[in-house]
Amino acid sequence: MDGSEPSAEPQPVNDPHALLESVHSFPGPYQFKVIGTASDDFVARVVGAAGGHLETLDDLVHRVRETPGGRHVAVTLELHLRSAAQVQAIYDSLRQVEGITMLL
């Protein structure tokens, strides 16, 4: 390769906010999926962690599905967000919620 051809190798992401903003429009809707251990307050803790980054809870809609055995729940958060930085801040807060098995 003489340097004039584009590289087939994936390029490192230096600015994750810029990458997110290149594929997603802000302000606008954004969805998170949080799967965790079913407990009395898991859903409330997930909603609280995300809701703390919103101007109003009117910007948050959530759905809950329980696994057939009842051991886990999936919480889908649909939020209206202003920026990629806000997305990152919510992911950071959700990672701190005890009982999370998977965060998408």
Protein backbone atom coordinates (compact mmCIF):
# COMPACT_ATOMS: atom_id res chain seq x y z
CA MET A 1 0.00 0.00 0.00
CA ASP A 2 1.53 3.33 -1.05
CA GLY A 3 -0.45 5.53 1.34
CA SER A 4 -2.87 6.79 -1.30
CA GLU A 5 -5.43 4.05 -0.70
CA PRO A 6 -7.82 4.21 2.26
CA SER A 7 -7.00 1.79 5.04
CA ALA A 8 -9.28 -1.22 5.44
CA GLU A 9 -8.38 -1.31 9.13
CA PRO A 10 -10.91 0.24 11.51
CA GLN A 11 -9.74 3.57 12.83
CA PRO A 12 -9.58 4.16 16.59
CA VAL A 13 -12.31 6.31 18.06
CA ASN A 14 -10.65 9.38 19.54
CA ASP A 15 -13.84 11.23 20.40
CA PRO A 16 -16.78 8.99 21.31
CA HIS A 17 -19.11 12.01 21.56
CA ALA A 18 -18.29 13.03 17.99
CA LEU A 19 -18.84 9.46 16.82
CA LEU A 20 -22.25 9.29 18.52
CA GLU A 21 -23.23 12.68 17.14
CA SER A 22 -22.23 11.55 13.64
CA VAL A 23 -24.83 8.75 13.70
CA HIS A 24 -27.49 10.23 15.99
CA SER A 25 -29.30 13.58 15.94
CA PHE A 26 -29.53 15.66 19.11
CA PRO A 27 -31.75 16.77 20.62
CA GLY A 28 -33.83 13.70 20.06
CA PRO A 29 -34.96 10.30 21.30
CA TYR A 30 -32.45 7.79 22.65
CA GLN A 31 -33.07 4.29 24.01
CA PHE A 32 -31.28 2.36 26.76
CA LYS A 33 -31.92 -1.25 27.73
CA VAL A 34 -31.00 -2.33 31.25
CA ILE A 35 -31.23 -5.96 32.32
CA GLY A 36 -30.79 -6.92 35.93
CA THR A 37 -31.80 -8.95 38.91
CA ALA A 38 -35.46 -8.65 39.77
CA SER A 39 -35.83 -6.92 43.13
CA ASP A 40 -38.39 -4.67 44.71
CA ASP A 41 -36.53 -1.48 43.82
CA PHE A 42 -34.38 -2.34 40.75
CA VAL A 43 -36.67 -0.55 38.27
CA ALA A 44 -36.93 2.51 40.52
CA ARG A 45 -33.13 2.68 40.87
CA VAL A 46 -32.66 2.42 37.08
CA VAL A 47 -35.28 5.09 36.39
CA GLY A 48 -33.80 7.30 39.12
CA ALA A 49 -30.26 6.98 37.76
CA ALA A 50 -31.37 8.07 34.29
CA GLY A 51 -33.95 10.59 35.47
CA GLY A 52 -31.35 12.49 37.47
CA HIS A 53 -29.86 13.71 34.18
CA LEU A 54 -33.10 15.05 32.73
CA GLU A 55 -34.65 18.48 33.08
CA THR A 56 -38.04 16.87 33.57
CA LEU A 57 -39.25 13.29 33.97
CA ASP A 58 -41.64 14.01 31.09
CA ASP A 59 -38.57 13.27 28.92
CA LEU A 60 -38.50 9.66 30.22
CA VAL A 61 -40.75 6.74 29.29
CA HIS A 62 -39.94 3.25 30.49
CA ARG A 63 -41.22 -0.29 29.94
CA VAL A 64 -40.50 -3.35 32.05
CA ARG A 65 -40.46 -7.00 31.03
CA GLU A 66 -39.86 -9.83 33.45
CA THR A 67 -38.16 -13.07 32.40
CA PRO A 68 -40.36 -16.18 32.47
CA GLY A 69 -38.66 -17.44 35.64
CA GLY A 70 -38.97 -14.04 37.29
CA ARG A 71 -35.29 -13.79 38.24
CA HIS A 72 -34.47 -10.89 35.92
CA VAL A 73 -36.16 -7.83 34.47
CA ALA A 74 -35.47 -5.83 31.34
CA VAL A 75 -36.06 -2.11 31.62
CA THR A 76 -36.28 -0.16 28.37
CA LEU A 77 -35.76 3.56 28.82
CA GLU A 78 -36.88 5.91 26.07
CA LEU A 79 -35.50 9.37 26.72
CA HIS A 80 -35.42 12.69 24.93
CA LEU A 81 -31.79 13.80 25.21
CA ARG A 82 -29.94 16.99 24.30
CA SER A 83 -26.41 15.74 23.57
CA ALA A 84 -23.95 12.88 23.33
CA ALA A 85 -22.45 14.09 26.63
CA GLN A 86 -25.83 13.54 28.27
CA VAL A 87 -25.94 9.99 26.85
CA GLN A 88 -22.50 9.30 28.33
CA ALA A 89 -23.47 10.74 31.72
CA ILE A 90 -26.54 8.49 31.85
CA TYR A 91 -24.49 5.40 30.92
CA ASP A 92 -22.03 6.33 33.67
CA SER A 93 -24.84 6.58 36.24
CA LEU A 94 -26.55 3.39 35.10
CA ARG A 95 -23.27 1.45 35.46
CA GLN A 96 -23.39 2.28 39.18
CA VAL A 97 -26.81 0.66 39.73
CA GLU A 98 -26.43 -2.53 41.77
CA GLY A 99 -27.81 -5.69 40.20
CA ILE A 100 -27.26 -4.86 36.53
CA THR A 101 -26.45 -7.87 34.38
CA MET A 102 -26.35 -6.11 31.00
CA LEU A 103 -26.51 -2.53 29.81
CA LEU A 104 -27.21 -1.70 26.16
